[in-house]
Amino acid sequence: MVDQRPEDAADMAEVLLYHHIQGLTDGVRAFADELRAAGHTVHTPDLFDGRTFDTIDAGFAFARETGFDAIRERGVAAADDLGPDLVYAGFSFGVTIAQQLAQTRGGARGALLMYSCIPISEFGPAWPDDVPVQIHGKEGDEFFREDLPAARELAGSAASAELFLYPGDQHLFADSSLDAYDPAAAALLLERVTAFLAST
């Protein structure tokens, strides 16, 4: 993967985007490419060393065998070679890393939490006042429903926060390479994310 930085990059965001539990799928790559087409620099570290999985359960089995903490450490290490002025973004499992970095690393430009949200107290006493955040999830998604109280708490307490709920129950709904893909909801999510990045 080659990260492309346009000449007017000073007006664009640099995004560190973490994939979900099924790996760095073609759909995650396509989403990153959409953001690049809008002029942003996007880094997509592969935490699974090239492996992708057909189901959420298979991805969880691999992560459990490898060690969730070890994978998260890889994700944090991916940020070490980059500057502090980043938007941290994650899909589902990737949110655990993106949210940790957004809450604990100085200089974060923003956070995009897609399909998941961790309680603020997991990483600190409060969400940083200078870090805007968007949270996206489906109302009927069994996984996101568990995170919805944390998402509502974050949206209600952060200085600049938006929580977007979409109809339906698909979890990884913006991944165009999976059966869970919902084109209409994915397009709306991308539109909102692109607007967020343009404003950071």
N, C-alpha and C. Protein backbone atom coordinates (compact mmCIF):
# COMPACT_ATOMS: atom_id res chain seq x y z
N MET A 1 0.84 -1.19 0.00
CA MET A 1 0.00 0.00 0.00
C MET A 1 0.87 1.24 0.00
N VAL A 2 0.55 2.19 -0.84
CA VAL A 2 1.27 3.46 -0.89
C VAL A 2 0.32 4.55 -0.46
N ASP A 3 0.71 5.30 0.56
CA ASP A 3 -0.11 6.41 1.02
C ASP A 3 0.18 7.61 0.14
N GLN A 4 -0.85 8.22 -0.37
CA GLN A 4 -0.69 9.36 -1.26
C GLN A 4 -1.06 10.63 -0.53
N ARG A 5 -0.17 11.62 -0.61
CA ARG A 5 -0.40 12.89 0.06
C ARG A 5 -0.49 13.99 -1.00
N PRO A 6 -1.65 14.64 -1.16
CA PRO A 6 -1.80 15.68 -2.16
C PRO A 6 -1.03 16.93 -1.79
N GLU A 7 -0.84 17.78 -2.79
CA GLU A 7 -0.08 19.01 -2.57
C GLU A 7 -0.72 19.90 -1.51
N ASP A 8 -2.04 19.88 -1.41
CA ASP A 8 -2.73 20.73 -0.44
C ASP A 8 -3.03 19.96 0.84
N ALA A 9 -2.11 19.05 1.21
CA ALA A 9 -2.34 18.17 2.36
C ALA A 9 -2.54 18.94 3.65
N ALA A 10 -2.06 20.17 3.71
CA ALA A 10 -2.23 20.95 4.94
C ALA A 10 -3.70 21.15 5.26
N ASP A 11 -4.56 21.11 4.24
CA ASP A 11 -5.98 21.31 4.43
C ASP A 11 -6.73 19.98 4.55
N MET A 12 -5.99 18.88 4.49
CA MET A 12 -6.60 17.56 4.53
C MET A 12 -6.19 16.83 5.81
N ALA A 13 -6.87 15.74 6.06
CA ALA A 13 -6.58 14.97 7.27
C ALA A 13 -5.64 13.82 6.96
N GLU A 14 -4.92 13.41 7.98
CA GLU A 14 -4.13 12.18 7.92
C GLU A 14 -4.81 11.19 8.85
N VAL A 15 -5.22 10.05 8.30
CA VAL A 15 -6.06 9.09 9.01
C VAL A 15 -5.31 7.78 9.22
N LEU A 16 -5.37 7.28 10.44
CA LEU A 16 -4.87 5.95 10.75
C LEU A 16 -6.10 5.07 10.97
N LEU A 17 -6.36 4.18 10.01
CA LEU A 17 -7.61 3.41 9.97
C LEU A 17 -7.34 1.93 10.29
N TYR A 18 -7.99 1.45 11.34
CA TYR A 18 -7.81 0.07 11.78
C TYR A 18 -8.97 -0.80 11.31
N HIS A 19 -8.63 -1.96 10.76
CA HIS A 19 -9.64 -2.86 10.20
C HIS A 19 -10.42 -3.59 11.30
N HIS A 20 -11.46 -4.28 10.88
CA HIS A 20 -12.33 -5.02 11.81
C HIS A 20 -11.83 -6.45 11.99
N ILE A 21 -12.61 -7.25 12.69
CA ILE A 21 -12.19 -8.58 13.12
C ILE A 21 -12.04 -9.56 11.97
N GLN A 22 -12.57 -9.25 10.80
CA GLN A 22 -12.40 -10.13 9.65
C GLN A 22 -11.17 -9.78 8.82
N GLY A 23 -10.42 -8.79 9.29
CA GLY A 23 -9.15 -8.47 8.66
C GLY A 23 -9.21 -7.28 7.72
N LEU A 24 -8.08 -7.04 7.06
CA LEU A 24 -7.97 -5.94 6.10
C LEU A 24 -8.56 -6.41 4.78
N THR A 25 -9.87 -6.42 4.73
CA THR A 25 -10.61 -6.93 3.57
C THR A 25 -10.57 -5.95 2.41
N ASP A 26 -11.01 -6.44 1.25
CA ASP A 26 -11.11 -5.55 0.09
C ASP A 26 -12.07 -4.39 0.37
N GLY A 27 -13.09 -4.65 1.18
CA GLY A 27 -14.03 -3.59 1.51
C GLY A 27 -13.42 -2.50 2.37
N VAL A 28 -12.57 -2.87 3.32
CA VAL A 28 -11.87 -1.87 4.12
C VAL A 28 -10.91 -1.08 3.25
N ARG A 29 -10.20 -1.78 2.36
CA ARG A 29 -9.29 -1.09 1.43
C ARG A 29 -10.06 -0.11 0.54
N ALA A 30 -11.24 -0.54 0.09
CA ALA A 30 -12.04 0.32 -0.78
C ALA A 30 -12.50 1.57 -0.04
N PHE A 31 -12.88 1.40 1.23
CA PHE A 31 -13.29 2.55 2.03
C PHE A 31 -12.14 3.53 2.18
N ALA A 32 -10.94 3.01 2.46
CA ALA A 32 -9.77 3.87 2.57
C ALA A 32 -9.49 4.59 1.25
N ASP A 33 -9.69 3.89 0.15
CA ASP A 33 -9.46 4.51 -1.16
C ASP A 33 -10.45 5.65 -1.41
N GLU A 34 -11.67 5.50 -0.91
CA GLU A 34 -12.66 6.58 -1.05
C GLU A 34 -12.18 7.83 -0.32
N LEU A 35 -11.62 7.65 0.85
CA LEU A 35 -11.10 8.79 1.61
C LEU A 35 -9.89 9.40 0.91
N ARG A 36 -9.05 8.55 0.33
CA ARG A 36 -7.90 9.07 -0.41
C ARG A 36 -8.36 9.87 -1.62
N ALA A 37 -9.42 9.39 -2.27
CA ALA A 37 -9.94 10.10 -3.43
C ALA A 37 -10.46 11.49 -3.05
N ALA A 38 -10.86 11.64 -1.80
CA ALA A 38 -11.32 12.94 -1.31
C ALA A 38 -10.14 13.83 -0.90
N GLY A 39 -8.92 13.30 -1.01
CA GLY A 39 -7.73 14.10 -0.76
C GLY A 39 -7.00 13.82 0.53
N HIS A 40 -7.48 12.85 1.31
CA HIS A 40 -6.88 12.58 2.61
C HIS A 40 -5.79 11.51 2.50
N THR A 41 -4.85 11.56 3.42
CA THR A 41 -3.84 10.51 3.54
C THR A 41 -4.36 9.46 4.50
N VAL A 42 -4.36 8.21 4.09
CA VAL A 42 -4.94 7.15 4.90
C VAL A 42 -3.94 5.99 5.04
N HIS A 43 -3.65 5.63 6.27
CA HIS A 43 -2.80 4.49 6.59
C HIS A 43 -3.68 3.33 7.05
N THR A 44 -3.46 2.14 6.51
CA THR A 44 -4.29 0.98 6.86
C THR A 44 -3.40 -0.18 7.30
N PRO A 45 -2.91 -0.16 8.52
CA PRO A 45 -2.06 -1.26 8.99
C PRO A 45 -2.81 -2.58 8.99
N ASP A 46 -2.12 -3.64 8.59
CA ASP A 46 -2.70 -4.98 8.57
C ASP A 46 -2.28 -5.70 9.84
N LEU A 47 -3.18 -5.77 10.80
CA LEU A 47 -2.87 -6.36 12.10
C LEU A 47 -2.90 -7.88 12.08
N PHE A 48 -3.42 -8.46 10.98
CA PHE A 48 -3.55 -9.92 10.88
C PHE A 48 -2.54 -10.52 9.90
N ASP A 49 -1.54 -9.76 9.49
CA ASP A 49 -0.49 -10.27 8.61
C ASP A 49 -1.03 -10.92 7.34
N GLY A 50 -1.97 -10.24 6.71
CA GLY A 50 -2.49 -10.70 5.43
C GLY A 50 -3.67 -11.65 5.51
N ARG A 51 -4.02 -12.09 6.68
CA ARG A 51 -5.15 -13.02 6.81
C ARG A 51 -6.47 -12.25 6.82
N THR A 52 -7.46 -12.78 6.13
CA THR A 52 -8.84 -12.30 6.23
C THR A 52 -9.73 -13.51 6.48
N PHE A 53 -10.93 -13.24 7.01
CA PHE A 53 -11.81 -14.33 7.43
C PHE A 53 -13.22 -14.12 6.90
N ASP A 54 -13.87 -15.23 6.57
CA ASP A 54 -15.19 -15.18 5.96
C ASP A 54 -16.29 -14.82 6.95
N THR A 55 -16.03 -15.04 8.24
CA THR A 55 -17.05 -14.77 9.25
C THR A 55 -16.43 -14.04 10.45
N ILE A 56 -17.30 -13.40 11.20
CA ILE A 56 -16.87 -12.74 12.43
C ILE A 56 -16.32 -13.77 13.42
N ASP A 57 -17.00 -14.92 13.53
CA ASP A 57 -16.55 -15.95 14.46
C ASP A 57 -15.15 -16.45 14.13
N ALA A 58 -14.86 -16.62 12.84
CA ALA A 58 -13.54 -17.09 12.44
C ALA A 58 -12.48 -16.05 12.77
N GLY A 59 -12.82 -14.78 12.57
CA GLY A 59 -11.89 -13.71 12.92
C GLY A 59 -11.62 -13.66 14.41
N PHE A 60 -12.67 -13.82 15.21
CA PHE A 60 -12.49 -13.82 16.66
C PHE A 60 -11.64 -15.01 17.11
N ALA A 61 -11.84 -16.16 16.48
CA ALA A 61 -11.05 -17.34 16.85
C ALA A 61 -9.57 -17.09 16.59
N PHE A 62 -9.26 -16.47 15.46
CA PHE A 62 -7.87 -16.15 15.16
C PHE A 62 -7.32 -15.15 16.17
N ALA A 63 -8.08 -14.10 16.45
CA ALA A 63 -7.61 -13.08 17.38
C ALA A 63 -7.42 -13.65 18.78
N ARG A 64 -8.31 -14.56 19.18
CA ARG A 64 -8.19 -15.18 20.49
C ARG A 64 -6.92 -16.02 20.57
N GLU A 65 -6.66 -16.76 19.50
CA GLU A 65 -5.46 -17.62 19.47
C GLU A 65 -4.19 -16.77 19.45
N THR A 66 -4.20 -15.70 18.68
CA THR A 66 -3.04 -14.82 18.58
C THR A 66 -2.85 -14.02 19.86
N GLY A 67 -3.97 -13.61 20.46
CA GLY A 67 -3.95 -12.78 21.66
C GLY A 67 -4.44 -11.38 21.34
N PHE A 68 -5.57 -11.01 21.93
CA PHE A 68 -6.14 -9.69 21.66
C PHE A 68 -5.16 -8.59 22.05
N ASP A 69 -4.51 -8.75 23.19
CA ASP A 69 -3.57 -7.71 23.63
C ASP A 69 -2.40 -7.57 22.67
N ALA A 70 -1.91 -8.69 22.16
CA ALA A 70 -0.79 -8.65 21.22
C ALA A 70 -1.19 -7.92 19.94
N ILE A 71 -2.41 -8.16 19.48
CA ILE A 71 -2.87 -7.49 18.26
C ILE A 71 -3.05 -6.00 18.51
N ARG A 72 -3.61 -5.66 19.67
CA ARG A 72 -3.76 -4.24 19.98
C ARG A 72 -2.40 -3.55 20.08
N GLU A 73 -1.41 -4.25 20.62
CA GLU A 73 -0.07 -3.67 20.70
C GLU A 73 0.50 -3.40 19.32
N ARG A 74 0.22 -4.29 18.36
CA ARG A 74 0.64 -4.05 16.97
C ARG A 74 -0.01 -2.77 16.45
N GLY A 75 -1.28 -2.62 16.77
CA GLY A 75 -2.00 -1.44 16.31
C GLY A 75 -1.43 -0.16 16.88
N VAL A 76 -1.15 -0.16 18.17
CA VAL A 76 -0.55 1.01 18.80
C VAL A 76 0.82 1.30 18.21
N ALA A 77 1.59 0.25 17.97
CA ALA A 77 2.93 0.42 17.39
C ALA A 77 2.86 1.04 16.00
N ALA A 78 1.78 0.76 15.26
CA ALA A 78 1.64 1.33 13.92
C ALA A 78 1.57 2.85 13.96
N ALA A 79 1.13 3.39 15.10
CA ALA A 79 1.04 4.85 15.24
C ALA A 79 2.38 5.48 15.60
N ASP A 80 3.31 4.66 16.07
CA ASP A 80 4.58 5.20 16.56
C ASP A 80 5.41 5.86 15.47
N ASP A 81 5.29 5.37 14.24
CA ASP A 81 6.08 5.91 13.14
C ASP A 81 5.44 7.11 12.47
N LEU A 82 4.29 7.51 12.96
CA LEU A 82 3.55 8.63 12.36
C LEU A 82 3.55 9.81 13.31
N GLY A 83 3.28 10.98 12.79
CA GLY A 83 3.20 12.16 13.64
C GLY A 83 1.97 12.13 14.52
N PRO A 84 1.88 13.06 15.45
CA PRO A 84 0.76 13.06 16.39
C PRO A 84 -0.54 13.62 15.80
N ASP A 85 -0.45 14.33 14.71
CA ASP A 85 -1.59 15.07 14.17
C ASP A 85 -2.45 14.15 13.31
N LEU A 86 -3.09 13.17 13.95
CA LEU A 86 -3.82 12.13 13.23
C LEU A 86 -5.29 12.09 13.62
N VAL A 87 -6.10 11.64 12.67
CA VAL A 87 -7.45 11.19 12.99
C VAL A 87 -7.37 9.68 13.15
N TYR A 88 -7.75 9.19 14.31
CA TYR A 88 -7.74 7.75 14.58
C TYR A 88 -9.12 7.18 14.26
N ALA A 89 -9.14 6.16 13.40
CA ALA A 89 -10.41 5.59 12.96
C ALA A 89 -10.35 4.08 13.08
N GLY A 90 -11.49 3.49 13.39
CA GLY A 90 -11.53 2.03 13.49
C GLY A 90 -12.90 1.48 13.16
N PHE A 91 -12.88 0.27 12.60
CA PHE A 91 -14.10 -0.50 12.37
C PHE A 91 -14.18 -1.60 13.42
N SER A 92 -15.22 -1.61 14.25
CA SER A 92 -15.48 -2.68 15.19
C SER A 92 -14.26 -2.97 16.07
N PHE A 93 -13.62 -4.14 15.93
CA PHE A 93 -12.45 -4.45 16.75
C PHE A 93 -11.40 -3.34 16.66
N GLY A 94 -11.25 -2.73 15.50
CA GLY A 94 -10.28 -1.64 15.34
C GLY A 94 -10.58 -0.43 16.18
N VAL A 95 -11.83 -0.29 16.61
CA VAL A 95 -12.21 0.84 17.47
C VAL A 95 -11.46 0.78 18.80
N THR A 96 -11.20 -0.43 19.29
CA THR A 96 -10.53 -0.54 20.58
C THR A 96 -9.16 0.12 20.55
N ILE A 97 -8.51 0.09 19.40
CA ILE A 97 -7.19 0.71 19.25
C ILE A 97 -7.34 2.20 18.95
N ALA A 98 -8.23 2.52 18.01
CA ALA A 98 -8.42 3.93 17.63
C ALA A 98 -8.87 4.77 18.81
N GLN A 99 -9.79 4.25 19.61
CA GLN A 99 -10.30 5.02 20.74
C GLN A 99 -9.22 5.18 21.81
N GLN A 100 -8.45 4.14 22.05
CA GLN A 100 -7.35 4.25 23.02
C GLN A 100 -6.38 5.36 22.62
N LEU A 101 -5.99 5.38 21.35
CA LEU A 101 -5.04 6.38 20.89
C LEU A 101 -5.63 7.79 20.93
N ALA A 102 -6.89 7.91 20.54
CA ALA A 102 -7.54 9.22 20.54
C ALA A 102 -7.63 9.79 21.95
N GLN A 103 -7.84 8.91 22.93
CA GLN A 103 -7.99 9.37 24.31
C GLN A 103 -6.66 9.60 25.02
N THR A 104 -5.61 8.91 24.59
CA THR A 104 -4.38 8.92 25.38
C THR A 104 -3.20 9.60 24.71
N ARG A 105 -3.25 9.82 23.40
CA ARG A 105 -2.11 10.43 22.72
C ARG A 105 -2.39 11.90 22.43
N GLY A 106 -1.50 12.75 22.88
CA GLY A 106 -1.67 14.16 22.62
C GLY A 106 -1.58 14.48 21.14
N GLY A 107 -2.32 15.49 20.72
CA GLY A 107 -2.27 15.94 19.34
C GLY A 107 -3.27 15.29 18.41
N ALA A 108 -4.09 14.37 18.94
CA ALA A 108 -5.08 13.73 18.08
C ALA A 108 -5.98 14.77 17.45
N ARG A 109 -6.25 14.59 16.17
CA ARG A 109 -7.07 15.55 15.42
C ARG A 109 -8.55 15.19 15.42
N GLY A 110 -8.83 13.92 15.69
CA GLY A 110 -10.22 13.47 15.71
C GLY A 110 -10.28 11.97 15.85
N ALA A 111 -11.51 11.45 15.98
CA ALA A 111 -11.71 10.01 16.10
C ALA A 111 -12.98 9.60 15.37
N LEU A 112 -12.90 8.48 14.68
CA LEU A 112 -14.04 7.90 13.97
C LEU A 112 -14.23 6.48 14.50
N LEU A 113 -15.33 6.25 15.19
CA LEU A 113 -15.60 4.97 15.83
C LEU A 113 -16.78 4.32 15.12
N MET A 114 -16.50 3.29 14.33
CA MET A 114 -17.52 2.69 13.48
C MET A 114 -17.84 1.28 13.93
N TYR A 115 -19.10 1.06 14.27
CA TYR A 115 -19.69 -0.20 14.71
C TYR A 115 -19.40 -0.55 16.16
N SER A 116 -18.68 0.30 16.88
CA SER A 116 -18.33 -0.04 18.26
C SER A 116 -17.99 1.22 19.04
N CYS A 117 -18.03 1.12 20.36
CA CYS A 117 -17.60 2.21 21.24
C CYS A 117 -17.29 1.61 22.61
N ILE A 118 -16.16 2.02 23.16
CA ILE A 118 -15.71 1.52 24.44
C ILE A 118 -16.06 2.55 25.52
N PRO A 119 -16.42 2.13 26.74
CA PRO A 119 -16.64 3.13 27.80
C PRO A 119 -15.44 4.06 27.95
N ILE A 120 -15.70 5.34 28.11
CA ILE A 120 -14.63 6.33 28.24
C ILE A 120 -13.67 5.96 29.36
N SER A 121 -14.20 5.43 30.45
CA SER A 121 -13.39 5.13 31.63
C SER A 121 -12.33 4.06 31.36
N GLU A 122 -12.46 3.32 30.26
CA GLU A 122 -11.48 2.29 29.94
C GLU A 122 -10.10 2.89 29.69
N PHE A 123 -10.07 4.12 29.18
CA PHE A 123 -8.80 4.73 28.79
C PHE A 123 -8.50 6.05 29.51
N GLY A 124 -9.37 6.49 30.38
CA GLY A 124 -9.12 7.74 31.08
C GLY A 124 -10.37 8.27 31.73
N PRO A 125 -10.26 9.38 32.48
CA PRO A 125 -11.41 9.90 33.21
C PRO A 125 -12.42 10.62 32.33
N ALA A 126 -11.98 11.12 31.18
CA ALA A 126 -12.88 11.89 30.32
C ALA A 126 -12.36 11.89 28.90
N TRP A 127 -13.24 12.19 27.96
CA TRP A 127 -12.82 12.33 26.56
C TRP A 127 -12.11 13.68 26.40
N PRO A 128 -10.99 13.73 25.67
CA PRO A 128 -10.27 15.00 25.51
C PRO A 128 -11.14 16.08 24.86
N ASP A 129 -11.14 17.27 25.44
CA ASP A 129 -12.01 18.35 24.97
C ASP A 129 -11.70 18.77 23.53
N ASP A 130 -10.44 18.62 23.12
CA ASP A 130 -10.04 19.12 21.81
C ASP A 130 -10.06 18.05 20.72
N VAL A 131 -10.71 16.92 20.98
CA VAL A 131 -10.75 15.83 20.00
C VAL A 131 -12.20 15.57 19.58
N PRO A 132 -12.60 16.03 18.39
CA PRO A 132 -13.95 15.72 17.92
C PRO A 132 -14.09 14.24 17.58
N VAL A 133 -15.31 13.74 17.70
CA VAL A 133 -15.52 12.31 17.48
C VAL A 133 -16.86 12.05 16.81
N GLN A 134 -16.87 11.06 15.93
CA GLN A 134 -18.11 10.53 15.36
C GLN A 134 -18.22 9.06 15.71
N ILE A 135 -19.46 8.63 16.02
CA ILE A 135 -19.74 7.23 16.30
C ILE A 135 -20.85 6.78 15.36
N HIS A 136 -20.66 5.62 14.74
CA HIS A 136 -21.64 5.10 13.77
C HIS A 136 -21.99 3.66 14.12
N GLY A 137 -23.29 3.32 14.07
CA GLY A 137 -23.69 1.94 14.30
C GLY A 137 -25.14 1.72 13.92
N LYS A 138 -25.51 0.47 13.74
CA LYS A 138 -26.89 0.13 13.39
C LYS A 138 -27.70 -0.16 14.64
N GLU A 139 -28.92 0.32 14.63
CA GLU A 139 -29.80 0.21 15.79
C GLU A 139 -30.03 -1.23 16.22
N GLY A 140 -30.18 -2.14 15.25
CA GLY A 140 -30.49 -3.52 15.55
C GLY A 140 -29.29 -4.45 15.60
N ASP A 141 -28.10 -3.91 15.47
CA ASP A 141 -26.88 -4.72 15.49
C ASP A 141 -26.64 -5.25 16.90
N GLU A 142 -26.61 -6.57 17.03
CA GLU A 142 -26.47 -7.17 18.37
C GLU A 142 -25.17 -6.77 19.04
N PHE A 143 -24.13 -6.56 18.27
CA PHE A 143 -22.85 -6.16 18.85
C PHE A 143 -22.88 -4.69 19.26
N PHE A 144 -23.41 -3.84 18.40
CA PHE A 144 -23.41 -2.41 18.70
C PHE A 144 -24.39 -2.09 19.82
N ARG A 145 -25.46 -2.86 19.95
CA ARG A 145 -26.41 -2.61 21.05
C ARG A 145 -25.72 -2.69 22.40
N GLU A 146 -24.75 -3.59 22.52
CA GLU A 146 -24.02 -3.71 23.77
C GLU A 146 -23.18 -2.46 24.04
N ASP A 147 -22.75 -1.80 22.97
CA ASP A 147 -21.90 -0.61 23.10
C ASP A 147 -22.68 0.69 23.14
N LEU A 148 -23.98 0.61 22.87
CA LEU A 148 -24.77 1.83 22.74
C LEU A 148 -24.77 2.70 24.00
N PRO A 149 -24.85 2.13 25.22
CA PRO A 149 -24.76 3.00 26.40
C PRO A 149 -23.44 3.78 26.44
N ALA A 150 -22.33 3.14 26.10
CA ALA A 150 -21.04 3.84 26.08
C ALA A 150 -21.03 4.91 24.99
N ALA A 151 -21.65 4.59 23.86
CA ALA A 151 -21.70 5.56 22.76
C ALA A 151 -22.53 6.79 23.16
N ARG A 152 -23.65 6.55 23.82
CA ARG A 152 -24.50 7.66 24.26
C ARG A 152 -23.78 8.51 25.32
N GLU A 153 -23.06 7.84 26.21
CA GLU A 153 -22.31 8.56 27.23
C GLU A 153 -21.25 9.46 26.58
N LEU A 154 -20.52 8.91 25.62
CA LEU A 154 -19.48 9.69 24.94
C LEU A 154 -20.10 10.85 24.17
N ALA A 155 -21.18 10.56 23.44
CA ALA A 155 -21.82 11.62 22.66
C ALA A 155 -22.37 12.73 23.55
N GLY A 156 -22.79 12.38 24.77
CA GLY A 156 -23.36 13.36 25.66
C GLY A 156 -22.36 14.13 26.49
N SER A 157 -21.14 13.62 26.56
CA SER A 157 -20.15 14.26 27.44
C SER A 157 -19.02 14.96 26.71
N ALA A 158 -18.72 14.55 25.49
CA ALA A 158 -17.61 15.15 24.76
C ALA A 158 -18.00 16.53 24.24
N ALA A 159 -17.01 17.39 24.12
CA ALA A 159 -17.27 18.76 23.67
C ALA A 159 -17.77 18.79 22.23
N SER A 160 -17.28 17.90 21.39
CA SER A 160 -17.69 17.84 19.99
C SER A 160 -17.86 16.39 19.60
N ALA A 161 -19.10 15.90 19.63
CA ALA A 161 -19.36 14.49 19.37
C ALA A 161 -20.68 14.32 18.63
N GLU A 162 -20.69 13.33 17.73
CA GLU A 162 -21.90 12.99 16.99
C GLU A 162 -22.09 11.48 17.05
N LEU A 163 -23.32 11.05 17.32
CA LEU A 163 -23.69 9.65 17.30
C LEU A 163 -24.73 9.45 16.22
N PHE A 164 -24.41 8.59 15.25
CA PHE A 164 -25.30 8.32 14.13
C PHE A 164 -25.78 6.87 14.21
N LEU A 165 -27.11 6.70 14.28
CA LEU A 165 -27.71 5.38 14.28
C LEU A 165 -28.41 5.14 12.95
N TYR A 166 -28.24 3.95 12.41
CA TYR A 166 -28.78 3.58 11.11
C TYR A 166 -29.77 2.44 11.29
N PRO A 167 -30.83 2.40 10.48
CA PRO A 167 -31.78 1.29 10.59
C PRO A 167 -31.16 -0.01 10.10
N GLY A 168 -31.57 -1.12 10.72
CA GLY A 168 -31.07 -2.42 10.31
C GLY A 168 -30.26 -3.08 11.40
N ASP A 169 -29.77 -4.29 11.09
CA ASP A 169 -29.05 -5.06 12.10
C ASP A 169 -27.69 -5.56 11.65
N GLN A 170 -27.23 -5.15 10.45
CA GLN A 170 -25.93 -5.61 9.99
C GLN A 170 -24.81 -4.94 10.80
N HIS A 171 -23.78 -5.71 11.10
CA HIS A 171 -22.67 -5.18 11.90
C HIS A 171 -21.67 -4.44 11.01
N LEU A 172 -21.04 -5.13 10.10
CA LEU A 172 -19.98 -4.53 9.26
C LEU A 172 -20.59 -3.99 7.96
N PHE A 173 -21.53 -3.08 8.11
CA PHE A 173 -22.41 -2.71 6.99
C PHE A 173 -21.76 -1.82 5.94
N ALA A 174 -20.59 -1.24 6.21
CA ALA A 174 -19.94 -0.38 5.22
C ALA A 174 -18.82 -1.10 4.48
N ASP A 175 -18.70 -2.40 4.68
CA ASP A 175 -17.67 -3.19 4.00
C ASP A 175 -18.27 -3.80 2.74
N SER A 176 -17.89 -3.26 1.59
CA SER A 176 -18.50 -3.66 0.33
C SER A 176 -18.13 -5.08 -0.10
N SER A 177 -17.19 -5.72 0.58
CA SER A 177 -16.78 -7.08 0.21
C SER A 177 -17.50 -8.15 1.03
N LEU A 178 -18.39 -7.74 1.94
CA LEU A 178 -19.05 -8.70 2.82
C LEU A 178 -20.56 -8.75 2.57
N ASP A 179 -21.18 -9.85 2.97
CA ASP A 179 -22.63 -10.00 2.81
C ASP A 179 -23.39 -8.97 3.64
N ALA A 180 -22.78 -8.46 4.72
CA ALA A 180 -23.44 -7.48 5.59
C ALA A 180 -23.55 -6.10 4.96
N TYR A 181 -22.96 -5.91 3.81
CA TYR A 181 -22.91 -4.59 3.17
C TYR A 181 -24.31 -4.03 2.91
N ASP A 182 -24.50 -2.79 3.33
CA ASP A 182 -25.75 -2.05 3.10
C ASP A 182 -25.37 -0.80 2.31
N PRO A 183 -25.57 -0.80 0.99
CA PRO A 183 -25.08 0.30 0.16
C PRO A 183 -25.59 1.67 0.58
N ALA A 184 -26.87 1.77 0.93
CA ALA A 184 -27.43 3.07 1.29
C ALA A 184 -26.82 3.59 2.59
N ALA A 185 -26.77 2.73 3.61
CA ALA A 185 -26.20 3.15 4.89
C ALA A 185 -24.71 3.42 4.76
N ALA A 186 -24.02 2.61 3.95
CA ALA A 186 -22.58 2.81 3.75
C ALA A 186 -22.31 4.14 3.08
N ALA A 187 -23.13 4.50 2.11
CA ALA A 187 -22.95 5.77 1.41
C ALA A 187 -23.16 6.94 2.36
N LEU A 188 -24.17 6.83 3.23
CA LEU A 188 -24.43 7.90 4.20
C LEU A 188 -23.30 8.00 5.22
N LEU A 189 -22.81 6.85 5.68
CA LEU A 189 -21.68 6.86 6.61
C LEU A 189 -20.47 7.53 5.96
N LEU A 190 -20.17 7.16 4.72
CA LEU A 190 -19.02 7.75 4.04
C LEU A 190 -19.20 9.26 3.86
N GLU A 191 -20.39 9.68 3.54
CA GLU A 191 -20.66 11.11 3.39
C GLU A 191 -20.40 11.85 4.72
N ARG A 192 -20.86 11.27 5.82
CA ARG A 192 -20.67 11.91 7.12
C ARG A 192 -19.20 11.89 7.53
N VAL A 193 -18.52 10.82 7.27
CA VAL A 193 -17.09 10.72 7.60
C VAL A 193 -16.29 11.73 6.78
N THR A 194 -16.61 11.83 5.49
CA THR A 194 -15.90 12.77 4.63
C THR A 194 -16.11 14.21 5.10
N ALA A 195 -17.33 14.54 5.50
CA ALA A 195 -17.60 15.88 6.02
C ALA A 195 -16.84 16.13 7.32
N PHE A 196 -16.77 15.10 8.16
CA PHE A 196 -16.03 15.20 9.43
C PHE A 196 -14.55 15.48 9.15
N LEU A 197 -13.97 14.74 8.24
CA LEU A 197 -12.56 14.92 7.94
C LEU A 197 -12.28 16.30 7.33
N ALA A 198 -13.20 16.78 6.54
CA ALA A 198 -13.02 18.10 5.94
C ALA A 198 -13.07 19.20 6.96
N SER A 199 -13.72 18.92 8.10
CA SER A 199 -13.89 19.97 9.12
C SER A 199 -12.83 19.93 10.20
N THR A 200 -12.03 18.86 10.24
CA THR A 200 -11.03 18.75 11.32
C THR A 200 -9.79 19.57 11.02
